[in-house]
Amino acid sequence: ISKKTNSDFIDLNNIVKVSPIDGLHLDPV
């Protein structure tokens, strides 16, 4: 979709991991 909409794209899976506390949100790091 980023290509179709001429958007820059960042996959957060390559940068962060969700918290084991809830499997959804992020810690400060």
mmCIF file of all heavy atoms, coordinates in Angstrom:
data_MODEL
# 
_entry.id   MODEL 
# 
loop_
_atom_site.group_PDB 
_atom_site.id 
_atom_site.type_symbol 
_atom_site.label_atom_id 
_atom_site.label_alt_id 
_atom_site.label_comp_id 
_atom_site.label_asym_id 
_atom_site.label_entity_id 
_atom_site.label_seq_id 
_atom_site.pdbx_PDB_ins_code 
_atom_site.Cartn_x 
_atom_site.Cartn_y 
_atom_site.Cartn_z 
_atom_site.occupancy 
_atom_site.B_iso_or_equiv 
_atom_site.pdbx_formal_charge 
_atom_site.auth_seq_id 
_atom_site.auth_comp_id 
_atom_site.auth_asym_id 
_atom_site.auth_atom_id 
_atom_site.pdbx_PDB_model_num 
ATOM 1   N N   . ILE A 1 1  ? 0.827  -1.212  0.000  1.00 0.00 ? 1  ILE A N   1 
ATOM 2   C CA  . ILE A 1 1  ? 0.000  0.000   0.000  1.00 0.00 ? 1  ILE A CA  1 
ATOM 3   C C   . ILE A 1 1  ? 0.860  1.260   0.000  1.00 0.00 ? 1  ILE A C   1 
ATOM 4   O O   . ILE A 1 1  ? 0.478  2.285   -0.577 1.00 0.00 ? 1  ILE A O   1 
ATOM 5   C CB  . ILE A 1 1  ? -0.959 -0.004  1.202  1.00 0.00 ? 1  ILE A CB  1 
ATOM 6   C CG1 . ILE A 1 1  ? -1.936 -1.177  1.095  1.00 0.00 ? 1  ILE A CG1 1 
ATOM 7   C CG2 . ILE A 1 1  ? -1.728 1.311   1.300  1.00 0.00 ? 1  ILE A CG2 1 
ATOM 8   C CD1 . ILE A 1 1  ? -2.810 -1.185  -0.139 1.00 0.00 ? 1  ILE A CD1 1 
ATOM 9   N N   . SER A 1 2  ? 2.024  1.191   0.611  1.00 0.00 ? 2  SER A N   1 
ATOM 10  C CA  . SER A 1 2  ? 2.908  2.356   0.597  1.00 0.00 ? 2  SER A CA  1 
ATOM 11  C C   . SER A 1 2  ? 3.322  2.711   -0.829 1.00 0.00 ? 2  SER A C   1 
ATOM 12  O O   . SER A 1 2  ? 3.425  3.894   -1.187 1.00 0.00 ? 2  SER A O   1 
ATOM 13  C CB  . SER A 1 2  ? 4.146  2.117   1.472  1.00 0.00 ? 2  SER A CB  1 
ATOM 14  O OG  . SER A 1 2  ? 5.015  1.147   0.892  1.00 0.00 ? 2  SER A OG  1 
ATOM 15  N N   . LYS A 1 3  ? 3.517  1.701   -1.653 1.00 0.00 ? 3  LYS A N   1 
ATOM 16  C CA  . LYS A 1 3  ? 3.882  1.940   -3.048 1.00 0.00 ? 3  LYS A CA  1 
ATOM 17  C C   . LYS A 1 3  ? 2.705  2.525   -3.820 1.00 0.00 ? 3  LYS A C   1 
ATOM 18  O O   . LYS A 1 3  ? 2.864  3.437   -4.633 1.00 0.00 ? 3  LYS A O   1 
ATOM 19  C CB  . LYS A 1 3  ? 4.359  0.637   -3.702 1.00 0.00 ? 3  LYS A CB  1 
ATOM 20  C CG  . LYS A 1 3  ? 5.673  0.114   -3.129 1.00 0.00 ? 3  LYS A CG  1 
ATOM 21  C CD  . LYS A 1 3  ? 6.053  -1.220  -3.765 1.00 0.00 ? 3  LYS A CD  1 
ATOM 22  C CE  . LYS A 1 3  ? 7.354  -1.740  -3.193 1.00 0.00 ? 3  LYS A CE  1 
ATOM 23  N NZ  . LYS A 1 3  ? 7.721  -3.068  -3.750 1.00 0.00 ? 3  LYS A NZ  1 
ATOM 24  N N   . LYS A 1 4  ? 1.514  2.004   -3.550 1.00 0.00 ? 4  LYS A N   1 
ATOM 25  C CA  . LYS A 1 4  ? 0.321  2.481   -4.252 1.00 0.00 ? 4  LYS A CA  1 
ATOM 26  C C   . LYS A 1 4  ? -0.018 3.927   -3.880 1.00 0.00 ? 4  LYS A C   1 
ATOM 27  O O   . LYS A 1 4  ? -0.624 4.645   -4.686 1.00 0.00 ? 4  LYS A O   1 
ATOM 28  C CB  . LYS A 1 4  ? -0.876 1.581   -3.937 1.00 0.00 ? 4  LYS A CB  1 
ATOM 29  C CG  . LYS A 1 4  ? -0.826 0.225   -4.596 1.00 0.00 ? 4  LYS A CG  1 
ATOM 30  C CD  . LYS A 1 4  ? -2.104 -0.555  -4.335 1.00 0.00 ? 4  LYS A CD  1 
ATOM 31  C CE  . LYS A 1 4  ? -2.086 -1.888  -5.069 1.00 0.00 ? 4  LYS A CE  1 
ATOM 32  N NZ  . LYS A 1 4  ? -3.336 -2.652  -4.850 1.00 0.00 ? 4  LYS A NZ  1 
ATOM 33  N N   . THR A 1 5  ? 0.333  4.337   -2.678 1.00 0.00 ? 5  THR A N   1 
ATOM 34  C CA  . THR A 1 5  ? -0.021 5.674   -2.207 1.00 0.00 ? 5  THR A CA  1 
ATOM 35  C C   . THR A 1 5  ? 1.175  6.621   -2.194 1.00 0.00 ? 5  THR A C   1 
ATOM 36  O O   . THR A 1 5  ? 1.083  7.720   -1.648 1.00 0.00 ? 5  THR A O   1 
ATOM 37  C CB  . THR A 1 5  ? -0.621 5.598   -0.792 1.00 0.00 ? 5  THR A CB  1 
ATOM 38  O OG1 . THR A 1 5  ? 0.327  4.971   0.095  1.00 0.00 ? 5  THR A OG1 1 
ATOM 39  C CG2 . THR A 1 5  ? -1.920 4.801   -0.795 1.00 0.00 ? 5  THR A CG2 1 
ATOM 40  N N   . ASN A 1 6  ? 2.275  6.179   -2.749 1.00 0.00 ? 6  ASN A N   1 
ATOM 41  C CA  . ASN A 1 6  ? 3.491  7.006   -2.796 1.00 0.00 ? 6  ASN A CA  1 
ATOM 42  C C   . ASN A 1 6  ? 3.908  7.468   -1.399 1.00 0.00 ? 6  ASN A C   1 
ATOM 43  O O   . ASN A 1 6  ? 4.257  8.632   -1.183 1.00 0.00 ? 6  ASN A O   1 
ATOM 44  C CB  . ASN A 1 6  ? 3.277  8.219   -3.716 1.00 0.00 ? 6  ASN A CB  1 
ATOM 45  C CG  . ASN A 1 6  ? 4.584  8.890   -4.102 1.00 0.00 ? 6  ASN A CG  1 
ATOM 46  O OD1 . ASN A 1 6  ? 5.635  8.249   -4.184 1.00 0.00 ? 6  ASN A OD1 1 
ATOM 47  N ND2 . ASN A 1 6  ? 4.535  10.194  -4.316 1.00 0.00 ? 6  ASN A ND2 1 
ATOM 48  N N   . SER A 1 7  ? 3.848  6.548   -0.465 1.00 0.00 ? 7  SER A N   1 
ATOM 49  C CA  . SER A 1 7  ? 4.219  6.833   0.925  1.00 0.00 ? 7  SER A CA  1 
ATOM 50  C C   . SER A 1 7  ? 5.577  6.222   1.244  1.00 0.00 ? 7  SER A C   1 
ATOM 51  O O   . SER A 1 7  ? 5.921  5.149   0.725  1.00 0.00 ? 7  SER A O   1 
ATOM 52  C CB  . SER A 1 7  ? 3.192  6.229   1.892  1.00 0.00 ? 7  SER A CB  1 
ATOM 53  O OG  . SER A 1 7  ? 1.883  6.662   1.611  1.00 0.00 ? 7  SER A OG  1 
ATOM 54  N N   . ASP A 1 8  ? 6.336  6.871   2.095  1.00 0.00 ? 8  ASP A N   1 
ATOM 55  C CA  . ASP A 1 8  ? 7.503  6.209   2.663  1.00 0.00 ? 8  ASP A CA  1 
ATOM 56  C C   . ASP A 1 8  ? 7.008  5.147   3.633  1.00 0.00 ? 8  ASP A C   1 
ATOM 57  O O   . ASP A 1 8  ? 5.890  5.229   4.154  1.00 0.00 ? 8  ASP A O   1 
ATOM 58  C CB  . ASP A 1 8  ? 8.394  7.222   3.368  1.00 0.00 ? 8  ASP A CB  1 
ATOM 59  C CG  . ASP A 1 8  ? 9.220  8.042   2.396  1.00 0.00 ? 8  ASP A CG  1 
ATOM 60  O OD1 . ASP A 1 8  ? 10.312 7.596   2.042  1.00 0.00 ? 8  ASP A OD1 1 
ATOM 61  O OD2 . ASP A 1 8  ? 8.754  9.125   1.973  1.00 0.00 ? 8  ASP A OD2 1 
ATOM 62  N N   . PHE A 1 9  ? 7.850  4.150   3.899  1.00 0.00 ? 9  PHE A N   1 
ATOM 63  C CA  . PHE A 1 9  ? 7.406  2.994   4.673  1.00 0.00 ? 9  PHE A CA  1 
ATOM 64  C C   . PHE A 1 9  ? 8.460  2.594   5.681  1.00 0.00 ? 9  PHE A C   1 
ATOM 65  O O   . PHE A 1 9  ? 9.654  2.498   5.355  1.00 0.00 ? 9  PHE A O   1 
ATOM 66  C CB  . PHE A 1 9  ? 7.125  1.829   3.711  1.00 0.00 ? 9  PHE A CB  1 
ATOM 67  C CG  . PHE A 1 9  ? 6.924  0.493   4.374  1.00 0.00 ? 9  PHE A CG  1 
ATOM 68  C CD1 . PHE A 1 9  ? 5.827  0.259   5.186  1.00 0.00 ? 9  PHE A CD1 1 
ATOM 69  C CD2 . PHE A 1 9  ? 7.843  -0.542  4.187  1.00 0.00 ? 9  PHE A CD2 1 
ATOM 70  C CE1 . PHE A 1 9  ? 5.638  -0.973  5.789  1.00 0.00 ? 9  PHE A CE1 1 
ATOM 71  C CE2 . PHE A 1 9  ? 7.665  -1.774  4.780  1.00 0.00 ? 9  PHE A CE2 1 
ATOM 72  C CZ  . PHE A 1 9  ? 6.558  -1.988  5.585  1.00 0.00 ? 9  PHE A CZ  1 
ATOM 73  N N   . ILE A 1 10 ? 8.023  2.364   6.911  1.00 0.00 ? 10 ILE A N   1 
ATOM 74  C CA  . ILE A 1 10 ? 8.885  1.811   7.954  1.00 0.00 ? 10 ILE A CA  1 
ATOM 75  C C   . ILE A 1 10 ? 8.151  0.643   8.603  1.00 0.00 ? 10 ILE A C   1 
ATOM 76  O O   . ILE A 1 10 ? 7.019  0.797   9.077  1.00 0.00 ? 10 ILE A O   1 
ATOM 77  C CB  . ILE A 1 10 ? 9.244  2.857   9.027  1.00 0.00 ? 10 ILE A CB  1 
ATOM 78  C CG1 . ILE A 1 10 ? 10.093 3.984   8.420  1.00 0.00 ? 10 ILE A CG1 1 
ATOM 79  C CG2 . ILE A 1 10 ? 9.995  2.202   10.190 1.00 0.00 ? 10 ILE A CG2 1 
ATOM 80  C CD1 . ILE A 1 10 ? 10.386 5.115   9.399  1.00 0.00 ? 10 ILE A CD1 1 
ATOM 81  N N   . ASP A 1 11 ? 8.769  -0.519  8.602  1.00 0.00 ? 11 ASP A N   1 
ATOM 82  C CA  . ASP A 1 11 ? 8.205  -1.695  9.264  1.00 0.00 ? 11 ASP A CA  1 
ATOM 83  C C   . ASP A 1 11 ? 8.719  -1.718  10.697 1.00 0.00 ? 11 ASP A C   1 
ATOM 84  O O   . ASP A 1 11 ? 9.898  -2.005  10.938 1.00 0.00 ? 11 ASP A O   1 
ATOM 85  C CB  . ASP A 1 11 ? 8.623  -2.963  8.517  1.00 0.00 ? 11 ASP A CB  1 
ATOM 86  C CG  . ASP A 1 11 ? 7.948  -4.214  9.055  1.00 0.00 ? 11 ASP A CG  1 
ATOM 87  O OD1 . ASP A 1 11 ? 7.264  -4.124  10.095 1.00 0.00 ? 11 ASP A OD1 1 
ATOM 88  O OD2 . ASP A 1 11 ? 8.109  -5.276  8.436  1.00 0.00 ? 11 ASP A OD2 1 
ATOM 89  N N   . LEU A 1 12 ? 7.840  -1.426  11.647 1.00 0.00 ? 12 LEU A N   1 
ATOM 90  C CA  . LEU A 1 12 ? 8.266  -1.379  13.049 1.00 0.00 ? 12 LEU A CA  1 
ATOM 91  C C   . LEU A 1 12 ? 8.710  -2.739  13.569 1.00 0.00 ? 12 LEU A C   1 
ATOM 92  O O   . LEU A 1 12 ? 9.387  -2.813  14.600 1.00 0.00 ? 12 LEU A O   1 
ATOM 93  C CB  . LEU A 1 12 ? 7.144  -0.815  13.921 1.00 0.00 ? 12 LEU A CB  1 
ATOM 94  C CG  . LEU A 1 12 ? 6.822  0.669   13.711 1.00 0.00 ? 12 LEU A CG  1 
ATOM 95  C CD1 . LEU A 1 12 ? 5.754  1.123   14.713 1.00 0.00 ? 12 LEU A CD1 1 
ATOM 96  C CD2 . LEU A 1 12 ? 8.076  1.537   13.845 1.00 0.00 ? 12 LEU A CD2 1 
ATOM 97  N N   . ASN A 1 13 ? 8.357  -3.811  12.862 1.00 0.00 ? 13 ASN A N   1 
ATOM 98  C CA  . ASN A 1 13 ? 8.830  -5.140  13.275 1.00 0.00 ? 13 ASN A CA  1 
ATOM 99  C C   . ASN A 1 13 ? 10.349 -5.267  13.168 1.00 0.00 ? 13 ASN A C   1 
ATOM 100 O O   . ASN A 1 13 ? 10.945 -6.124  13.815 1.00 0.00 ? 13 ASN A O   1 
ATOM 101 C CB  . ASN A 1 13 ? 8.164  -6.220  12.415 1.00 0.00 ? 13 ASN A CB  1 
ATOM 102 C CG  . ASN A 1 13 ? 6.695  -6.359  12.714 1.00 0.00 ? 13 ASN A CG  1 
ATOM 103 O OD1 . ASN A 1 13 ? 6.319  -6.862  13.761 1.00 0.00 ? 13 ASN A OD1 1 
ATOM 104 N ND2 . ASN A 1 13 ? 5.859  -5.906  11.787 1.00 0.00 ? 13 ASN A ND2 1 
ATOM 105 N N   . ASN A 1 14 ? 10.956 -4.426  12.356 1.00 0.00 ? 14 ASN A N   1 
ATOM 106 C CA  . ASN A 1 14 ? 12.413 -4.437  12.224 1.00 0.00 ? 14 ASN A CA  1 
ATOM 107 C C   . ASN A 1 14 ? 13.095 -3.563  13.269 1.00 0.00 ? 14 ASN A C   1 
ATOM 108 O O   . ASN A 1 14 ? 14.331 -3.518  13.311 1.00 0.00 ? 14 ASN A O   1 
ATOM 109 C CB  . ASN A 1 14 ? 12.809 -3.942  10.824 1.00 0.00 ? 14 ASN A CB  1 
ATOM 110 C CG  . ASN A 1 14 ? 12.322 -4.859  9.723  1.00 0.00 ? 14 ASN A CG  1 
ATOM 111 O OD1 . ASN A 1 14 ? 12.215 -6.064  9.923  1.00 0.00 ? 14 ASN A OD1 1 
ATOM 112 N ND2 . ASN A 1 14 ? 12.011 -4.292  8.571  1.00 0.00 ? 14 ASN A ND2 1 
ATOM 113 N N   . ILE A 1 15 ? 12.310 -2.904  14.110 1.00 0.00 ? 15 ILE A N   1 
ATOM 114 C CA  . ILE A 1 15 ? 12.863 -1.928  15.051 1.00 0.00 ? 15 ILE A CA  1 
ATOM 115 C C   . ILE A 1 15 ? 12.517 -2.246  16.494 1.00 0.00 ? 15 ILE A C   1 
ATOM 116 O O   . ILE A 1 15 ? 13.361 -2.136  17.382 1.00 0.00 ? 15 ILE A O   1 
ATOM 117 C CB  . ILE A 1 15 ? 12.353 -0.516  14.697 1.00 0.00 ? 15 ILE A CB  1 
ATOM 118 C CG1 . ILE A 1 15 ? 12.761 -0.143  13.269 1.00 0.00 ? 15 ILE A CG1 1 
ATOM 119 C CG2 . ILE A 1 15 ? 12.866 0.531   15.690 1.00 0.00 ? 15 ILE A CG2 1 
ATOM 120 C CD1 . ILE A 1 15 ? 12.063 1.090   12.760 1.00 0.00 ? 15 ILE A CD1 1 
ATOM 121 N N   . VAL A 1 16 ? 11.272 -2.669  16.738 1.00 0.00 ? 16 VAL A N   1 
ATOM 122 C CA  . VAL A 1 16 ? 10.804 -2.830  18.118 1.00 0.00 ? 16 VAL A CA  1 
ATOM 123 C C   . VAL A 1 16 ? 10.114 -4.173  18.320 1.00 0.00 ? 16 VAL A C   1 
ATOM 124 O O   . VAL A 1 16 ? 9.782  -4.884  17.366 1.00 0.00 ? 16 VAL A O   1 
ATOM 125 C CB  . VAL A 1 16 ? 9.822  -1.700  18.517 1.00 0.00 ? 16 VAL A CB  1 
ATOM 126 C CG1 . VAL A 1 16 ? 10.481 -0.344  18.399 1.00 0.00 ? 16 VAL A CG1 1 
ATOM 127 C CG2 . VAL A 1 16 ? 8.550  -1.764  17.675 1.00 0.00 ? 16 VAL A CG2 1 
ATOM 128 N N   . LYS A 1 17 ? 9.874  -4.499  19.591 1.00 0.00 ? 17 LYS A N   1 
ATOM 129 C CA  . LYS A 1 17 ? 9.076  -5.649  19.989 1.00 0.00 ? 17 LYS A CA  1 
ATOM 130 C C   . LYS A 1 17 ? 8.065  -5.198  21.029 1.00 0.00 ? 17 LYS A C   1 
ATOM 131 O O   . LYS A 1 17 ? 8.360  -4.343  21.863 1.00 0.00 ? 17 LYS A O   1 
ATOM 132 C CB  . LYS A 1 17 ? 9.963  -6.753  20.569 1.00 0.00 ? 17 LYS A CB  1 
ATOM 133 C CG  . LYS A 1 17 ? 10.922 -7.374  19.570 1.00 0.00 ? 17 LYS A CG  1 
ATOM 134 C CD  . LYS A 1 17 ? 11.741 -8.479  20.209 1.00 0.00 ? 17 LYS A CD  1 
ATOM 135 C CE  . LYS A 1 17 ? 12.696 -9.110  19.188 1.00 0.00 ? 17 LYS A CE  1 
ATOM 136 N NZ  . LYS A 1 17 ? 13.525 -10.172 19.798 1.00 0.00 ? 17 LYS A NZ  1 
ATOM 137 N N   . VAL A 1 18 ? 6.868  -5.785  20.975 1.00 0.00 ? 18 VAL A N   1 
ATOM 138 C CA  . VAL A 1 18 ? 5.849  -5.414  21.950 1.00 0.00 ? 18 VAL A CA  1 
ATOM 139 C C   . VAL A 1 18 ? 6.190  -5.975  23.320 1.00 0.00 ? 18 VAL A C   1 
ATOM 140 O O   . VAL A 1 18 ? 6.942  -6.943  23.457 1.00 0.00 ? 18 VAL A O   1 
ATOM 141 C CB  . VAL A 1 18 ? 4.447  -5.893  21.502 1.00 0.00 ? 18 VAL A CB  1 
ATOM 142 C CG1 . VAL A 1 18 ? 4.023  -5.187  20.214 1.00 0.00 ? 18 VAL A CG1 1 
ATOM 143 C CG2 . VAL A 1 18 ? 4.409  -7.404  21.326 1.00 0.00 ? 18 VAL A CG2 1 
ATOM 144 N N   . SER A 1 19 ? 5.608  -5.381  24.329 1.00 0.00 ? 19 SER A N   1 
ATOM 145 C CA  . SER A 1 19 ? 5.886  -5.782  25.708 1.00 0.00 ? 19 SER A CA  1 
ATOM 146 C C   . SER A 1 19 ? 5.291  -7.154  26.021 1.00 0.00 ? 19 SER A C   1 
ATOM 147 O O   . SER A 1 19 ? 4.157  -7.448  25.635 1.00 0.00 ? 19 SER A O   1 
ATOM 148 C CB  . SER A 1 19 ? 5.295  -4.744  26.670 1.00 0.00 ? 19 SER A CB  1 
ATOM 149 O OG  . SER A 1 19 ? 5.345  -5.205  28.000 1.00 0.00 ? 19 SER A OG  1 
ATOM 150 N N   . PRO A 1 20 ? 6.007  -8.002  26.761 1.00 0.00 ? 20 PRO A N   1 
ATOM 151 C CA  . PRO A 1 20 ? 5.446  -9.280  27.201 1.00 0.00 ? 20 PRO A CA  1 
ATOM 152 C C   . PRO A 1 20 ? 4.326  -9.098  28.222 1.00 0.00 ? 20 PRO A C   1 
ATOM 153 O O   . PRO A 1 20 ? 3.608  -10.047 28.529 1.00 0.00 ? 20 PRO A O   1 
ATOM 154 C CB  . PRO A 1 20 ? 6.650  -10.009 27.807 1.00 0.00 ? 20 PRO A CB  1 
ATOM 155 C CG  . PRO A 1 20 ? 7.607  -8.927  28.202 1.00 0.00 ? 20 PRO A CG  1 
ATOM 156 C CD  . PRO A 1 20 ? 7.432  -7.854  27.170 1.00 0.00 ? 20 PRO A CD  1 
ATOM 157 N N   . ILE A 1 21 ? 4.173  -7.890  28.735 1.00 0.00 ? 21 ILE A N   1 
ATOM 158 C CA  . ILE A 1 21 ? 3.110  -7.639  29.713 1.00 0.00 ? 21 ILE A CA  1 
ATOM 159 C C   . ILE A 1 21 ? 1.743  -7.820  29.078 1.00 0.00 ? 21 ILE A C   1 
ATOM 160 O O   . ILE A 1 21 ? 0.845  -8.427  29.670 1.00 0.00 ? 21 ILE A O   1 
ATOM 161 C CB  . ILE A 1 21 ? 3.239  -6.230  30.324 1.00 0.00 ? 21 ILE A CB  1 
ATOM 162 C CG1 . ILE A 1 21 ? 4.523  -6.130  31.148 1.00 0.00 ? 21 ILE A CG1 1 
ATOM 163 C CG2 . ILE A 1 21 ? 2.016  -5.901  31.187 1.00 0.00 ? 21 ILE A CG2 1 
ATOM 164 C CD1 . ILE A 1 21 ? 4.801  -4.737  31.673 1.00 0.00 ? 21 ILE A CD1 1 
ATOM 165 N N   . ASP A 1 22 ? 1.573  -7.282  27.860 1.00 0.00 ? 22 ASP A N   1 
ATOM 166 C CA  . ASP A 1 22 ? 0.256  -7.396  27.223 1.00 0.00 ? 22 ASP A CA  1 
ATOM 167 C C   . ASP A 1 22 ? 0.302  -7.804  25.749 1.00 0.00 ? 22 ASP A C   1 
ATOM 168 O O   . ASP A 1 22 ? -0.742 -7.953  25.119 1.00 0.00 ? 22 ASP A O   1 
ATOM 169 C CB  . ASP A 1 22 ? -0.542 -6.095  27.386 1.00 0.00 ? 22 ASP A CB  1 
ATOM 170 C CG  . ASP A 1 22 ? 0.042  -4.902  26.630 1.00 0.00 ? 22 ASP A CG  1 
ATOM 171 O OD1 . ASP A 1 22 ? 1.011  -5.087  25.864 1.00 0.00 ? 22 ASP A OD1 1 
ATOM 172 O OD2 . ASP A 1 22 ? -0.480 -3.786  26.803 1.00 0.00 ? 22 ASP A OD2 1 
ATOM 173 N N   . GLY A 1 23 ? 1.501  -8.015  25.200 1.00 0.00 ? 23 GLY A N   1 
ATOM 174 C CA  . GLY A 1 23 ? 1.613  -8.475  23.826 1.00 0.00 ? 23 GLY A CA  1 
ATOM 175 C C   . GLY A 1 23 ? 1.142  -7.506  22.776 1.00 0.00 ? 23 GLY A C   1 
ATOM 176 O O   . GLY A 1 23 ? 0.920  -7.890  21.618 1.00 0.00 ? 23 GLY A O   1 
ATOM 177 N N   . LEU A 1 24 ? 1.023  -6.220  23.156 1.00 0.00 ? 24 LEU A N   1 
ATOM 178 C CA  . LEU A 1 24 ? 0.435  -5.230  22.264 1.00 0.00 ? 24 LEU A CA  1 
ATOM 179 C C   . LEU A 1 24 ? 1.146  -3.875  22.303 1.00 0.00 ? 24 LEU A C   1 
ATOM 180 O O   . LEU A 1 24 ? 1.371  -3.258  21.258 1.00 0.00 ? 24 LEU A O   1 
ATOM 181 C CB  . LEU A 1 24 ? -1.047 -5.044  22.638 1.00 0.00 ? 24 LEU A CB  1 
ATOM 182 C CG  . LEU A 1 24 ? -1.841 -3.940  21.958 1.00 0.00 ? 24 LEU A CG  1 
ATOM 183 C CD1 . LEU A 1 24 ? -1.934 -4.202  20.457 1.00 0.00 ? 24 LEU A CD1 1 
ATOM 184 C CD2 . LEU A 1 24 ? -3.239 -3.843  22.573 1.00 0.00 ? 24 LEU A CD2 1 
ATOM 185 N N   . HIS A 1 25 ? 1.495  -3.433  23.495 1.00 0.00 ? 25 HIS A N   1 
ATOM 186 C CA  . HIS A 1 25 ? 2.048  -2.093  23.656 1.00 0.00 ? 25 HIS A CA  1 
ATOM 187 C C   . HIS A 1 25 ? 3.569  -2.110  23.852 1.00 0.00 ? 25 HIS A C   1 
ATOM 188 O O   . HIS A 1 25 ? 4.191  -3.171  23.871 1.00 0.00 ? 25 HIS A O   1 
ATOM 189 C CB  . HIS A 1 25 ? 1.345  -1.384  24.819 1.00 0.00 ? 25 HIS A CB  1 
ATOM 190 C CG  . HIS A 1 25 ? -0.099 -1.118  24.536 1.00 0.00 ? 25 HIS A CG  1 
ATOM 191 N ND1 . HIS A 1 25 ? -1.120 -1.863  25.092 1.00 0.00 ? 25 HIS A ND1 1 
ATOM 192 C CD2 . HIS A 1 25 ? -0.692 -0.212  23.707 1.00 0.00 ? 25 HIS A CD2 1 
ATOM 193 C CE1 . HIS A 1 25 ? -2.281 -1.414  24.635 1.00 0.00 ? 25 HIS A CE1 1 
ATOM 194 N NE2 . HIS A 1 25 ? -2.051 -0.420  23.792 1.00 0.00 ? 25 HIS A NE2 1 
ATOM 195 N N   . LEU A 1 26 ? 4.138  -0.926  23.994 1.00 0.00 ? 26 LEU A N   1 
ATOM 196 C CA  . LEU A 1 26 ? 5.591  -0.761  23.948 1.00 0.00 ? 26 LEU A CA  1 
ATOM 197 C C   . LEU A 1 26 ? 6.159  -0.235  25.257 1.00 0.00 ? 26 LEU A C   1 
ATOM 198 O O   . LEU A 1 26 ? 5.531  0.596   25.922 1.00 0.00 ? 26 LEU A O   1 
ATOM 199 C CB  . LEU A 1 26 ? 5.958  0.221   22.827 1.00 0.00 ? 26 LEU A CB  1 
ATOM 200 C CG  . LEU A 1 26 ? 5.407  -0.118  21.436 1.00 0.00 ? 26 LEU A CG  1 
ATOM 201 C CD1 . LEU A 1 26 ? 5.682  1.029   20.473 1.00 0.00 ? 26 LEU A CD1 1 
ATOM 202 C CD2 . LEU A 1 26 ? 6.017  -1.414  20.916 1.00 0.00 ? 26 LEU A CD2 1 
ATOM 203 N N   . ASP A 1 27 ? 7.368  -0.690  25.595 1.00 0.00 ? 27 ASP A N   1 
ATOM 204 C CA  . ASP A 1 27 ? 8.041  -0.152  26.777 1.00 0.00 ? 27 ASP A CA  1 
ATOM 205 C C   . ASP A 1 27 ? 8.858  1.084   26.374 1.00 0.00 ? 27 ASP A C   1 
ATOM 206 O O   . ASP A 1 27 ? 8.972  1.415   25.188 1.00 0.00 ? 27 ASP A O   1 
ATOM 207 C CB  . ASP A 1 27 ? 8.903  -1.220  27.460 1.00 0.00 ? 27 ASP A CB  1 
ATOM 208 C CG  . ASP A 1 27 ? 10.089 -1.687  26.615 1.00 0.00 ? 27 ASP A CG  1 
ATOM 209 O OD1 . ASP A 1 27 ? 10.615 -0.896  25.798 1.00 0.00 ? 27 ASP A OD1 1 
ATOM 210 O OD2 . ASP A 1 27 ? 10.520 -2.843  26.786 1.00 0.00 ? 27 ASP A OD2 1 
ATOM 211 N N   . PRO A 1 28 ? 9.417  1.797   27.325 1.00 0.00 ? 28 PRO A N   1 
ATOM 212 C CA  . PRO A 1 28 ? 10.135 3.049   27.018 1.00 0.00 ? 28 PRO A CA  1 
ATOM 213 C C   . PRO A 1 28 ? 11.284 2.895   26.028 1.00 0.00 ? 28 PRO A C   1 
ATOM 214 O O   . PRO A 1 28 ? 11.515 3.789   25.206 1.00 0.00 ? 28 PRO A O   1 
ATOM 215 C CB  . PRO A 1 28 ? 10.628 3.510   28.383 1.00 0.00 ? 28 PRO A CB  1 
ATOM 216 C CG  . PRO A 1 28 ? 9.604  2.998   29.345 1.00 0.00 ? 28 PRO A CG  1 
ATOM 217 C CD  . PRO A 1 28 ? 9.227  1.644   28.795 1.00 0.00 ? 28 PRO A CD  1 
ATOM 218 N N   . VAL A 1 29 ? 12.001 1.786   26.093 1.00 0.00 ? 29 VAL A N   1 
ATOM 219 C CA  . VAL A 1 29 ? 13.120 1.586   25.173 1.00 0.00 ? 29 VAL A CA  1 
ATOM 220 C C   . VAL A 1 29 ? 12.621 1.552   23.731 1.00 0.00 ? 29 VAL A C   1 
ATOM 221 O O   . VAL A 1 29 ? 13.228 2.132   22.826 1.00 0.00 ? 29 VAL A O   1 
ATOM 222 C CB  . VAL A 1 29 ? 13.875 0.285   25.514 1.00 0.00 ? 29 VAL A CB  1 
ATOM 223 C CG1 . VAL A 1 29 ? 14.910 -0.033  24.435 1.00 0.00 ? 29 VAL A CG1 1 
ATOM 224 C CG2 . VAL A 1 29 ? 14.553 0.409   26.874 1.00 0.00 ? 29 VAL A CG2 1 
# 
